[in-house]
């Protein structure tokens, strides 16, 4: 049987891994009796951990939120994953989070076993972060929006469009989306009566948040796909679909999730749907992919490809090009 102190740590670790545990389940995991589990729960409570009793036929336990953050017990892989996440977030797109992440990482490395500390340090020493240059998001804005999504409360904010125009929006927030470089908010624009996607770095919330709202039918079952289509297709004035002579796996190595939507057709081809500021801009971008492709139902794109190929032919000095 485990020593009492080791068993208490094990019990605390189990309570942190899922929301509810029955007394019988904990007893089996710890190799003790139900009575011993009850005594150990009382000891955790005496140490300040809010272990709540769960009502029900079998009864059980739940670790509640306390006044202080309890020790977080992680296994080896979890500890390394948290360290990697903190190191990555320290160069992220949220304003002011860098110093906080570095402080948290320093605390974590201080208590890591030597075998794990060396793994984390080796990763840091051999990695050169490429910091993305672009707009950053105030963490306070993310907090306000996340709370409004959770509590189903309207948010009012001043919004600056891509062209610089300012407007005031009244929105029922649905989800926050992070693309790796930017944050977006999907929500129902009450005044416009439709779903919209907003860049978070362009909005300034007005607090307090508005009244609570009844949930609406989401604009799509797959919100990730909906957000991607909004960013890569609907946001642009011209849109088209082409058949790429690449497997979808190969295409994903070249085309990012923020550049277009990819759907597999067979082992050697896939459909790409994308948007662009102009037809010639799209033609030029497709030409740079280095892939054979066919235009699907877009005569405007086909004509733009002819114009671009003729211009390139003239520039090369090898004729006008036939398209």
C-alpha atoms as a PDB file:
ATOM      1  CA  UNK A   1       0.000   0.000   0.000  1.00  0.00           C
ATOM      2  CA  UNK A   2       1.224   3.510  -0.770  1.00  0.00           C
ATOM      3  CA  UNK A   3       2.529   5.765   1.973  1.00  0.00           C
ATOM      4  CA  UNK A   4      -0.108   8.279   3.015  1.00  0.00           C
ATOM      5  CA  UNK A   5       1.639  11.375   1.566  1.00  0.00           C
ATOM      6  CA  UNK A   6       2.260   9.673  -1.789  1.00  0.00           C
ATOM      7  CA  UNK A   7      -1.319   8.435  -1.840  1.00  0.00           C
ATOM      8  CA  UNK A   8      -2.653  11.947  -1.207  1.00  0.00           C
ATOM      9  CA  UNK A   9      -0.661  13.276  -4.159  1.00  0.00           C
ATOM     10  CA  UNK A  10      -1.962  10.445  -6.315  1.00  0.00           C
ATOM     11  CA  UNK A  11      -5.528  11.182  -5.199  1.00  0.00           C
ATOM     12  CA  UNK A  12      -5.093  14.876  -6.001  1.00  0.00           C
ATOM     13  CA  UNK A  13      -3.700  13.989  -9.420  1.00  0.00           C
ATOM     14  CA  UNK A  14      -6.704  11.773 -10.180  1.00  0.00           C
ATOM     15  CA  UNK A  15      -9.154  14.481  -9.129  1.00  0.00           C
ATOM     16  CA  UNK A  16      -7.457  16.868 -11.563  1.00  0.00           C
ATOM     17  CA  UNK A  17      -7.735  14.557 -14.555  1.00  0.00           C
ATOM     18  CA  UNK A  18     -11.524  14.512 -14.860  1.00  0.00           C
ATOM     19  CA  UNK A  19     -14.564  16.246 -13.473  1.00  0.00           C
ATOM     20  CA  UNK A  20     -16.258  13.534 -11.368  1.00  0.00           C
ATOM     21  CA  UNK A  21     -15.017  10.388  -9.642  1.00  0.00           C
ATOM     22  CA  UNK A  22     -17.022   7.866  -7.661  1.00  0.00           C
ATOM     23  CA  UNK A  23     -15.586   6.719  -4.363  1.00  0.00           C
ATOM     24  CA  UNK A  24     -15.409   3.143  -5.661  1.00  0.00           C
ATOM     25  CA  UNK A  25     -13.387   4.202  -8.736  1.00  0.00           C
ATOM     26  CA  UNK A  26     -10.896   6.113  -6.609  1.00  0.00           C
ATOM     27  CA  UNK A  27     -10.556   3.159  -4.235  1.00  0.00           C
ATOM     28  CA  UNK A  28      -9.704   0.830  -7.126  1.00  0.00           C
ATOM     29  CA  UNK A  29      -7.177   3.262  -8.602  1.00  0.00           C
ATOM     30  CA  UNK A  30      -5.458   3.789  -5.260  1.00  0.00           C
ATOM     31  CA  UNK A  31      -5.684   0.197  -4.089  1.00  0.00           C
ATOM     32  CA  UNK A  32      -7.441   1.100  -0.844  1.00  0.00           C
ATOM     33  CA  UNK A  33     -10.888   0.816   0.722  1.00  0.00           C
ATOM     34  CA  UNK A  34     -13.751   3.290   0.316  1.00  0.00           C
ATOM     35  CA  UNK A  35     -13.262   4.288   3.938  1.00  0.00           C
ATOM     36  CA  UNK A  36      -9.617   5.181   3.286  1.00  0.00           C
ATOM     37  CA  UNK A  37     -10.679   7.301   0.309  1.00  0.00           C
ATOM     38  CA  UNK A  38     -13.079   9.237   2.543  1.00  0.00           C
ATOM     39  CA  UNK A  39     -10.318   9.833   5.094  1.00  0.00           C
ATOM     40  CA  UNK A  40      -7.896  10.989   2.399  1.00  0.00           C
ATOM     41  CA  UNK A  41     -10.504  13.355   0.971  1.00  0.00           C
ATOM     42  CA  UNK A  42     -10.953  14.846   4.447  1.00  0.00           C
ATOM     43  CA  UNK A  43      -7.169  15.323   4.695  1.00  0.00           C
ATOM     44  CA  UNK A  44      -7.119  17.151   1.360  1.00  0.00           C
ATOM     45  CA  UNK A  45      -9.920  19.386   2.596  1.00  0.00           C
ATOM     46  CA  UNK A  46      -7.985  20.153   5.767  1.00  0.00           C
ATOM     47  CA  UNK A  47      -5.065  21.246   3.564  1.00  0.00           C
ATOM     48  CA  UNK A  48      -7.323  23.712   1.771  1.00  0.00           C
ATOM     49  CA  UNK A  49      -8.302  21.762  -1.341  1.00  0.00           C
ATOM     50  CA  UNK A  50     -12.019  22.205  -2.170  1.00  0.00           C
ATOM     51  CA  UNK A  51     -13.039  18.586  -2.761  1.00  0.00           C
ATOM     52  CA  UNK A  52     -16.816  18.609  -3.145  1.00  0.00           C
ATOM     53  CA  UNK A  53     -19.177  15.683  -2.631  1.00  0.00           C
ATOM     54  CA  UNK A  54     -21.241  14.811  -5.721  1.00  0.00           C
ATOM     55  CA  UNK A  55     -24.865  13.861  -5.177  1.00  0.00           C
ATOM     56  CA  UNK A  56     -26.232  10.746  -6.811  1.00  0.00           C
ATOM     57  CA  UNK A  57     -26.947   7.073  -6.381  1.00  0.00           C
ATOM     58  CA  UNK A  58     -23.303   6.070  -6.085  1.00  0.00           C
ATOM     59  CA  UNK A  59     -22.006   9.414  -4.828  1.00  0.00           C
ATOM     60  CA  UNK A  60     -18.603  10.741  -5.689  1.00  0.00           C
ATOM     61  CA  UNK A  61     -16.107  13.572  -5.534  1.00  0.00           C
ATOM     62  CA  UNK A  62     -15.197  16.629  -7.573  1.00  0.00           C
ATOM     63  CA  UNK A  63     -12.294  19.039  -7.205  1.00  0.00           C
ATOM     64  CA  UNK A  64     -13.787  22.522  -7.046  1.00  0.00           C
ATOM     65  CA  UNK A  65     -12.280  25.945  -7.653  1.00  0.00           C
ATOM     66  CA  UNK A  66     -10.413  27.246  -4.648  1.00  0.00           C
ATOM     67  CA  UNK A  67      -9.114  30.579  -3.451  1.00  0.00           C
ATOM     68  CA  UNK A  68      -5.580  29.557  -4.390  1.00  0.00           C
ATOM     69  CA  UNK A  69      -4.202  27.583  -7.304  1.00  0.00           C
ATOM     70  CA  UNK A  70      -3.428  24.044  -6.076  1.00  0.00           C
ATOM     71  CA  UNK A  71      -0.279  22.200  -7.139  1.00  0.00           C
ATOM     72  CA  UNK A  72      -0.722  20.927 -10.675  1.00  0.00           C
ATOM     73  CA  UNK A  73       0.457  17.349 -11.012  1.00  0.00           C
ATOM     74  CA  UNK A  74       1.685  16.446 -14.497  1.00  0.00           C
ATOM     75  CA  UNK A  75       3.185  13.310 -15.951  1.00  0.00           C
ATOM     76  CA  UNK A  76       6.406  13.508 -17.990  1.00  0.00           C
ATOM     77  CA  UNK A  77       4.794  14.041 -21.391  1.00  0.00           C
ATOM     78  CA  UNK A  78       2.304  16.578 -20.034  1.00  0.00           C
ATOM     79  CA  UNK A  79       5.094  18.595 -18.407  1.00  0.00           C
ATOM     80  CA  UNK A  80       7.131  18.703 -21.624  1.00  0.00           C
ATOM     81  CA  UNK A  81       4.007  19.660 -23.619  1.00  0.00           C
ATOM     82  CA  UNK A  82       3.249  22.562 -21.255  1.00  0.00           C
ATOM     83  CA  UNK A  83       6.855  23.774 -21.452  1.00  0.00           C
ATOM     84  CA  UNK A  84       6.793  23.668 -25.264  1.00  0.00           C
ATOM     85  CA  UNK A  85       3.462  25.507 -25.291  1.00  0.00           C
ATOM     86  CA  UNK A  86       4.786  28.263 -23.021  1.00  0.00           C
ATOM     87  CA  UNK A  87       7.911  28.674 -25.122  1.00  0.00           C
ATOM     88  CA  UNK A  88       5.821  28.899 -28.302  1.00  0.00           C
ATOM     89  CA  UNK A  89       3.297  31.313 -26.775  1.00  0.00           C
ATOM     90  CA  UNK A  90       6.117  33.639 -25.693  1.00  0.00           C
ATOM     91  CA  UNK A  91       6.493  34.625 -29.367  1.00  0.00           C
ATOM     92  CA  UNK A  92       2.784  34.654 -30.151  1.00  0.00           C
ATOM     93  CA  UNK A  93       0.307  37.275 -31.313  1.00  0.00           C
ATOM     94  CA  UNK A  94      -1.150  38.281 -27.930  1.00  0.00           C
ATOM     95  CA  UNK A  95       0.195  41.588 -26.637  1.00  0.00           C
ATOM     96  CA  UNK A  96       2.039  41.500 -23.326  1.00  0.00           C
ATOM     97  CA  UNK A  97       1.919  37.723 -22.921  1.00  0.00           C
ATOM     98  CA  UNK A  98       5.585  37.175 -23.731  1.00  0.00           C
ATOM     99  CA  UNK A  99       6.947  38.161 -20.308  1.00  0.00           C
ATOM    100  CA  UNK A 100       4.232  36.200 -18.497  1.00  0.00           C
ATOM    101  CA  UNK A 101       5.040  33.053 -20.485  1.00  0.00           C
ATOM    102  CA  UNK A 102       8.760  33.415 -19.801  1.00  0.00           C
ATOM    103  CA  UNK A 103       8.125  33.774 -16.059  1.00  0.00           C
ATOM    104  CA  UNK A 104       5.847  30.723 -16.022  1.00  0.00           C
ATOM    105  CA  UNK A 105       8.375  28.711 -18.049  1.00  0.00           C
ATOM    106  CA  UNK A 106      11.164  29.630 -15.631  1.00  0.00           C
ATOM    107  CA  UNK A 107       9.068  28.415 -12.691  1.00  0.00           C
ATOM    108  CA  UNK A 108       8.220  25.183 -14.478  1.00  0.00           C
ATOM    109  CA  UNK A 109      11.825  24.438 -15.448  1.00  0.00           C
ATOM    110  CA  UNK A 110      12.895  25.029 -11.850  1.00  0.00           C
ATOM    111  CA  UNK A 111      10.748  22.168 -10.558  1.00  0.00           C
ATOM    112  CA  UNK A 112      11.142  19.762 -13.475  1.00  0.00           C
ATOM    113  CA  UNK A 113      13.146  16.592 -12.856  1.00  0.00           C
ATOM    114  CA  UNK A 114      16.591  16.782 -14.428  1.00  0.00           C
ATOM    115  CA  UNK A 115      15.705  14.279 -17.163  1.00  0.00           C
ATOM    116  CA  UNK A 116      12.814  16.485 -18.330  1.00  0.00           C
ATOM    117  CA  UNK A 117      14.646  19.771 -17.782  1.00  0.00           C
ATOM    118  CA  UNK A 118      17.345  18.682 -20.203  1.00  0.00           C
ATOM    119  CA  UNK A 119      14.741  17.746 -22.846  1.00  0.00           C
ATOM    120  CA  UNK A 120      13.078  21.153 -22.594  1.00  0.00           C
ATOM    121  CA  UNK A 121      16.372  23.045 -22.622  1.00  0.00           C
ATOM    122  CA  UNK A 122      17.638  21.059 -25.600  1.00  0.00           C
ATOM    123  CA  UNK A 123      14.532  22.037 -27.514  1.00  0.00           C
ATOM    124  CA  UNK A 124      14.982  25.691 -26.615  1.00  0.00           C
ATOM    125  CA  UNK A 125      18.689  25.704 -27.481  1.00  0.00           C
ATOM    126  CA  UNK A 126      18.137  24.140 -30.897  1.00  0.00           C
ATOM    127  CA  UNK A 127      15.104  26.239 -31.915  1.00  0.00           C
ATOM    128  CA  UNK A 128      15.212  29.697 -33.476  1.00  0.00           C
ATOM    129  CA  UNK A 129      11.770  31.341 -33.279  1.00  0.00           C
ATOM    130  CA  UNK A 130      10.647  33.258 -36.362  1.00  0.00           C
ATOM    131  CA  UNK A 131       8.497  35.972 -34.846  1.00  0.00           C
ATOM    132  CA  UNK A 132       5.573  36.914 -37.048  1.00  0.00           C
ATOM    133  CA  UNK A 133       5.352  40.629 -37.769  1.00  0.00           C
ATOM    134  CA  UNK A 134       1.813  41.856 -37.617  1.00  0.00           C
ATOM    135  CA  UNK A 135      -0.981  43.079 -35.363  1.00  0.00           C
ATOM    136  CA  UNK A 136      -1.216  41.784 -31.829  1.00  0.00           C
ATOM    137  CA  UNK A 137      -4.292  41.325 -29.658  1.00  0.00           C
ATOM    138  CA  UNK A 138      -4.821  42.744 -26.194  1.00  0.00           C
ATOM    139  CA  UNK A 139      -5.297  39.774 -23.813  1.00  0.00           C
ATOM    140  CA  UNK A 140      -7.966  41.788 -22.000  1.00  0.00           C
ATOM    141  CA  UNK A 141     -10.025  41.922 -25.199  1.00  0.00           C
ATOM    142  CA  UNK A 142      -9.726  38.148 -25.610  1.00  0.00           C
ATOM    143  CA  UNK A 143     -10.863  37.683 -22.011  1.00  0.00           C
ATOM    144  CA  UNK A 144     -13.935  39.878 -22.509  1.00  0.00           C
ATOM    145  CA  UNK A 145     -14.906  38.085 -25.719  1.00  0.00           C
ATOM    146  CA  UNK A 146     -14.307  34.603 -24.309  1.00  0.00           C
ATOM    147  CA  UNK A 147     -16.462  35.386 -21.265  1.00  0.00           C
ATOM    148  CA  UNK A 148     -19.230  36.734 -23.521  1.00  0.00           C
ATOM    149  CA  UNK A 149     -19.127  33.553 -25.630  1.00  0.00           C
ATOM    150  CA  UNK A 150     -19.312  31.413 -22.506  1.00  0.00           C
ATOM    151  CA  UNK A 151     -22.126  33.409 -20.868  1.00  0.00           C
ATOM    152  CA  UNK A 152     -24.046  34.083 -24.120  1.00  0.00           C
ATOM    153  CA  UNK A 153     -23.963  37.836 -23.639  1.00  0.00           C
ATOM    154  CA  UNK A 154     -24.061  40.391 -26.426  1.00  0.00           C
ATOM    155  CA  UNK A 155     -20.931  42.421 -27.054  1.00  0.00           C
ATOM    156  CA  UNK A 156     -20.869  45.961 -28.375  1.00  0.00           C
ATOM    157  CA  UNK A 157     -17.683  47.188 -29.978  1.00  0.00           C
ATOM    158  CA  UNK A 158     -16.194  49.732 -32.330  1.00  0.00           C
ATOM    159  CA  UNK A 159     -14.859  48.008 -35.437  1.00  0.00           C
ATOM    160  CA  UNK A 160     -12.361  49.118 -38.062  1.00  0.00           C
ATOM    161  CA  UNK A 161     -12.747  47.439 -41.451  1.00  0.00           C
ATOM    162  CA  UNK A 162      -9.962  46.457 -43.848  1.00  0.00           C
ATOM    163  CA  UNK A 163     -10.470  49.754 -45.689  1.00  0.00           C
ATOM    164  CA  UNK A 164     -10.265  51.800 -42.495  1.00  0.00           C
ATOM    165  CA  UNK A 165     -13.967  52.582 -42.107  1.00  0.00           C
ATOM    166  CA  UNK A 166     -15.240  52.651 -38.517  1.00  0.00           C
ATOM    167  CA  UNK A 167     -18.576  51.297 -37.333  1.00  0.00           C
ATOM    168  CA  UNK A 168     -20.276  50.269 -34.116  1.00  0.00           C
ATOM    169  CA  UNK A 169     -21.427  46.650 -33.885  1.00  0.00           C
ATOM    170  CA  UNK A 170     -23.876  44.818 -31.654  1.00  0.00           C
ATOM    171  CA  UNK A 171     -23.016  41.096 -31.870  1.00  0.00           C
ATOM    172  CA  UNK A 172     -24.077  37.793 -30.345  1.00  0.00           C
ATOM    173  CA  UNK A 173     -20.692  36.031 -30.104  1.00  0.00           C
ATOM    174  CA  UNK A 174     -20.461  32.363 -31.049  1.00  0.00           C
ATOM    175  CA  UNK A 175     -16.774  31.342 -31.150  1.00  0.00           C
ATOM    176  CA  UNK A 176     -13.231  32.687 -31.177  1.00  0.00           C
ATOM    177  CA  UNK A 177     -10.991  31.367 -33.949  1.00  0.00           C
ATOM    178  CA  UNK A 178      -7.189  31.392 -33.913  1.00  0.00           C
ATOM    179  CA  UNK A 179      -5.360  30.791 -37.197  1.00  0.00           C
ATOM    180  CA  UNK A 180      -1.858  30.801 -35.681  1.00  0.00           C
ATOM    181  CA  UNK A 181      -1.274  34.411 -36.723  1.00  0.00           C
ATOM    182  CA  UNK A 182      -4.534  36.207 -36.030  1.00  0.00           C
ATOM    183  CA  UNK A 183      -7.628  35.972 -33.829  1.00  0.00           C
ATOM    184  CA  UNK A 184     -11.172  36.178 -35.205  1.00  0.00           C
ATOM    185  CA  UNK A 185     -14.635  36.356 -33.660  1.00  0.00           C
ATOM    186  CA  UNK A 186     -17.610  34.601 -35.290  1.00  0.00           C
ATOM    187  CA  UNK A 187     -20.884  36.185 -34.244  1.00  0.00           C
ATOM    188  CA  UNK A 188     -24.373  37.201 -35.315  1.00  0.00           C
ATOM    189  CA  UNK A 189     -24.485  40.911 -36.186  1.00  0.00           C
ATOM    190  CA  UNK A 190     -27.839  42.008 -34.758  1.00  0.00           C
ATOM    191  CA  UNK A 191     -28.165  45.220 -36.796  1.00  0.00           C
ATOM    192  CA  UNK A 192     -27.252  43.521 -40.088  1.00  0.00           C
ATOM    193  CA  UNK A 193     -29.229  40.374 -39.356  1.00  0.00           C
ATOM    194  CA  UNK A 194     -26.499  37.985 -40.468  1.00  0.00           C
ATOM    195  CA  UNK A 195     -23.428  36.092 -39.328  1.00  0.00           C
ATOM    196  CA  UNK A 196     -20.099  37.899 -39.564  1.00  0.00           C
ATOM    197  CA  UNK A 197     -16.416  37.178 -38.897  1.00  0.00           C
ATOM    198  CA  UNK A 198     -14.418  39.975 -37.221  1.00  0.00           C
ATOM    199  CA  UNK A 199     -10.684  40.387 -36.745  1.00  0.00           C
ATOM    200  CA  UNK A 200     -10.154  40.803 -33.007  1.00  0.00           C
ATOM    201  CA  UNK A 201      -7.204  43.205 -33.379  1.00  0.00           C
ATOM    202  CA  UNK A 202      -9.549  45.634 -35.171  1.00  0.00           C
ATOM    203  CA  UNK A 203     -12.250  45.809 -32.496  1.00  0.00           C
ATOM    204  CA  UNK A 204     -12.538  47.728 -29.234  1.00  0.00           C
ATOM    205  CA  UNK A 205     -15.154  46.283 -26.846  1.00  0.00           C
ATOM    206  CA  UNK A 206     -17.516  48.529 -24.948  1.00  0.00           C
ATOM    207  CA  UNK A 207     -18.064  47.297 -21.413  1.00  0.00           C
ATOM    208  CA  UNK A 208     -20.103  46.129 -19.710  1.00  0.00           C
ATOM    209  CA  UNK A 209     -21.330  43.459 -22.084  1.00  0.00           C
ATOM    210  CA  UNK A 210     -24.967  43.487 -23.161  1.00  0.00           C
ATOM    211  CA  UNK A 211     -27.964  41.350 -22.226  1.00  0.00           C
ATOM    212  CA  UNK A 212     -27.986  37.582 -22.499  1.00  0.00           C
ATOM    213  CA  UNK A 213     -29.331  36.024 -25.675  1.00  0.00           C
ATOM    214  CA  UNK A 214     -30.894  32.726 -26.693  1.00  0.00           C
ATOM    215  CA  UNK A 215     -28.534  30.615 -28.830  1.00  0.00           C
ATOM    216  CA  UNK A 216     -29.188  30.679 -32.576  1.00  0.00           C
ATOM    217  CA  UNK A 217     -28.707  27.926 -35.117  1.00  0.00           C
ATOM    218  CA  UNK A 218     -24.981  28.130 -36.032  1.00  0.00           C
ATOM    219  CA  UNK A 219     -24.163  29.194 -39.605  1.00  0.00           C
ATOM    220  CA  UNK A 220     -22.588  25.775 -40.247  1.00  0.00           C
ATOM    221  CA  UNK A 221     -22.072  22.443 -38.534  1.00  0.00           C
ATOM    222  CA  UNK A 222     -18.308  22.708 -38.990  1.00  0.00           C
ATOM    223  CA  UNK A 223     -17.363  26.123 -37.610  1.00  0.00           C
ATOM    224  CA  UNK A 224     -13.688  25.642 -38.454  1.00  0.00           C
ATOM    225  CA  UNK A 225     -14.608  25.085 -42.121  1.00  0.00           C
ATOM    226  CA  UNK A 226     -16.988  28.059 -42.008  1.00  0.00           C
ATOM    227  CA  UNK A 227     -14.302  30.339 -40.568  1.00  0.00           C
ATOM    228  CA  UNK A 228     -11.733  29.128 -43.089  1.00  0.00           C
ATOM    229  CA  UNK A 229     -14.101  29.763 -46.014  1.00  0.00           C
ATOM    230  CA  UNK A 230     -14.807  33.240 -44.705  1.00  0.00           C
ATOM    231  CA  UNK A 231     -11.110  34.066 -44.482  1.00  0.00           C
ATOM    232  CA  UNK A 232     -10.005  32.467 -47.749  1.00  0.00           C
ATOM    233  CA  UNK A 233     -13.007  32.888 -50.074  1.00  0.00           C
ATOM    234  CA  UNK A 234     -15.859  35.160 -48.965  1.00  0.00           C
ATOM    235  CA  UNK A 235     -13.518  37.958 -47.873  1.00  0.00           C
ATOM    236  CA  UNK A 236     -12.346  38.568 -51.460  1.00  0.00           C
ATOM    237  CA  UNK A 237     -14.137  40.139 -54.432  1.00  0.00           C
ATOM    238  CA  UNK A 238     -13.276  37.314 -56.851  1.00  0.00           C
ATOM    239  CA  UNK A 239     -13.584  33.606 -56.077  1.00  0.00           C
ATOM    240  CA  UNK A 240     -12.911  30.451 -58.071  1.00  0.00           C
ATOM    241  CA  UNK A 241     -12.345  26.700 -57.890  1.00  0.00           C
ATOM    242  CA  UNK A 242      -9.578  24.830 -59.708  1.00  0.00           C
ATOM    243  CA  UNK A 243      -8.669  21.164 -59.975  1.00  0.00           C
ATOM    244  CA  UNK A 244      -5.061  20.639 -58.824  1.00  0.00           C
ATOM    245  CA  UNK A 245      -3.089  17.658 -60.132  1.00  0.00           C
ATOM    246  CA  UNK A 246      -1.752  17.064 -56.653  1.00  0.00           C
ATOM    247  CA  UNK A 247      -2.896  14.821 -53.849  1.00  0.00           C
ATOM    248  CA  UNK A 248      -4.582  16.762 -51.080  1.00  0.00           C
ATOM    249  CA  UNK A 249      -1.666  15.875 -48.762  1.00  0.00           C
ATOM    250  CA  UNK A 250       0.844  17.376 -51.202  1.00  0.00           C
ATOM    251  CA  UNK A 251      -1.303  20.461 -51.687  1.00  0.00           C
ATOM    252  CA  UNK A 252      -1.498  21.067 -47.935  1.00  0.00           C
ATOM    253  CA  UNK A 253       2.292  21.224 -47.809  1.00  0.00           C
ATOM    254  CA  UNK A 254       2.181  24.287 -50.082  1.00  0.00           C
ATOM    255  CA  UNK A 255      -1.225  25.900 -49.477  1.00  0.00           C
ATOM    256  CA  UNK A 256      -1.940  27.076 -45.934  1.00  0.00           C
ATOM    257  CA  UNK A 257      -5.356  26.931 -44.277  1.00  0.00           C
ATOM    258  CA  UNK A 258      -5.601  30.720 -44.634  1.00  0.00           C
ATOM    259  CA  UNK A 259      -4.944  30.612 -48.404  1.00  0.00           C
ATOM    260  CA  UNK A 260      -7.680  28.302 -49.648  1.00  0.00           C
ATOM    261  CA  UNK A 261      -9.938  25.327 -49.026  1.00  0.00           C
ATOM    262  CA  UNK A 262      -8.823  21.907 -50.224  1.00  0.00           C
ATOM    263  CA  UNK A 263     -11.039  18.863 -50.879  1.00  0.00           C
ATOM    264  CA  UNK A 264      -9.638  15.526 -52.018  1.00  0.00           C
ATOM    265  CA  UNK A 265     -10.951  14.131 -55.328  1.00  0.00           C
ATOM    266  CA  UNK A 266      -8.764  11.040 -55.669  1.00  0.00           C
ATOM    267  CA  UNK A 267      -5.226   9.973 -54.826  1.00  0.00           C
ATOM    268  CA  UNK A 268      -3.676  12.331 -57.377  1.00  0.00           C
ATOM    269  CA  UNK A 269      -5.941  15.378 -57.451  1.00  0.00           C
ATOM    270  CA  UNK A 270      -7.932  17.761 -55.270  1.00  0.00           C
ATOM    271  CA  UNK A 271     -10.172  20.800 -55.575  1.00  0.00           C
ATOM    272  CA  UNK A 272      -8.914  24.190 -54.422  1.00  0.00           C
ATOM    273  CA  UNK A 273     -11.397  26.994 -53.693  1.00  0.00           C
ATOM    274  CA  UNK A 274      -9.899  30.408 -53.007  1.00  0.00           C
ATOM    275  CA  UNK A 275     -10.454  34.126 -53.289  1.00  0.00           C
ATOM    276  CA  UNK A 276      -8.245  36.990 -54.451  1.00  0.00           C
ATOM    277  CA  UNK A 277      -8.316  40.771 -54.900  1.00  0.00           C
ATOM    278  CA  UNK A 278      -8.416  40.357 -58.712  1.00  0.00           C
ATOM    279  CA  UNK A 279      -8.616  37.676 -61.391  1.00  0.00           C
ATOM    280  CA  UNK A 280      -5.083  38.386 -62.575  1.00  0.00           C
ATOM    281  CA  UNK A 281      -3.852  38.240 -59.000  1.00  0.00           C
ATOM    282  CA  UNK A 282      -5.391  34.798 -58.624  1.00  0.00           C
ATOM    283  CA  UNK A 283      -3.949  33.688 -61.981  1.00  0.00           C
ATOM    284  CA  UNK A 284      -0.463  34.803 -60.940  1.00  0.00           C
ATOM    285  CA  UNK A 285      -0.730  33.037 -57.570  1.00  0.00           C
ATOM    286  CA  UNK A 286      -1.896  29.796 -59.145  1.00  0.00           C
ATOM    287  CA  UNK A 287       0.975  29.949 -61.608  1.00  0.00           C
ATOM    288  CA  UNK A 288       3.459  30.176 -58.753  1.00  0.00           C
ATOM    289  CA  UNK A 289       2.213  26.984 -57.098  1.00  0.00           C
ATOM    290  CA  UNK A 290       4.203  24.850 -59.537  1.00  0.00           C
ATOM    291  CA  UNK A 291       1.305  22.475 -60.108  1.00  0.00           C
ATOM    292  CA  UNK A 292      -0.713  21.458 -63.158  1.00  0.00           C
ATOM    293  CA  UNK A 293      -4.324  22.577 -62.734  1.00  0.00           C
ATOM    294  CA  UNK A 294      -7.622  23.041 -64.548  1.00  0.00           C
ATOM    295  CA  UNK A 295     -10.133  25.860 -64.105  1.00  0.00           C
ATOM    296  CA  UNK A 296     -13.578  24.694 -62.968  1.00  0.00           C
ATOM    297  CA  UNK A 297     -16.455  26.846 -64.257  1.00  0.00           C
ATOM    298  CA  UNK A 298     -14.805  30.269 -64.150  1.00  0.00           C
ATOM    299  CA  UNK A 299     -14.337  31.906 -67.581  1.00  0.00           C
ATOM    300  CA  UNK A 300     -13.051  35.075 -65.898  1.00  0.00           C
ATOM    301  CA  UNK A 301     -10.135  33.164 -64.383  1.00  0.00           C
ATOM    302  CA  UNK A 302      -9.461  31.388 -67.687  1.00  0.00           C
ATOM    303  CA  UNK A 303      -9.262  34.746 -69.491  1.00  0.00           C
ATOM    304  CA  UNK A 304      -6.977  36.151 -66.775  1.00  0.00           C
ATOM    305  CA  UNK A 305      -4.653  33.167 -67.192  1.00  0.00           C
ATOM    306  CA  UNK A 306      -4.392  33.940 -70.925  1.00  0.00           C
ATOM    307  CA  UNK A 307      -3.550  37.600 -70.242  1.00  0.00           C
ATOM    308  CA  UNK A 308      -0.939  36.725 -67.629  1.00  0.00           C
ATOM    309  CA  UNK A 309       0.671  34.062 -69.840  1.00  0.00           C
ATOM    310  CA  UNK A 310       0.856  36.506 -72.761  1.00  0.00           C
ATOM    311  CA  UNK A 311       2.453  39.162 -70.584  1.00  0.00           C
ATOM    312  CA  UNK A 312       5.000  36.687 -69.228  1.00  0.00           C
ATOM    313  CA  UNK A 313       5.736  35.486 -72.755  1.00  0.00           C
ATOM    314  CA  UNK A 314       6.453  39.045 -73.891  1.00  0.00           C
ATOM    315  CA  UNK A 315       8.638  39.646 -70.866  1.00  0.00           C
ATOM    316  CA  UNK A 316      10.702  36.542 -71.596  1.00  0.00           C
ATOM    317  CA  UNK A 317      11.358  37.661 -75.165  1.00  0.00           C
ATOM    318  CA  UNK A 318      10.101  34.324 -76.499  1.00  0.00           C
ATOM    319  CA  UNK A 319       6.843  35.402 -78.040  1.00  0.00           C
ATOM    320  CA  UNK A 320       3.459  36.556 -76.880  1.00  0.00           C
ATOM    321  CA  UNK A 321       2.314  33.152 -75.662  1.00  0.00           C
ATOM    322  CA  UNK A 322      -0.765  31.368 -76.818  1.00  0.00           C
ATOM    323  CA  UNK A 323      -2.501  30.887 -73.470  1.00  0.00           C
END
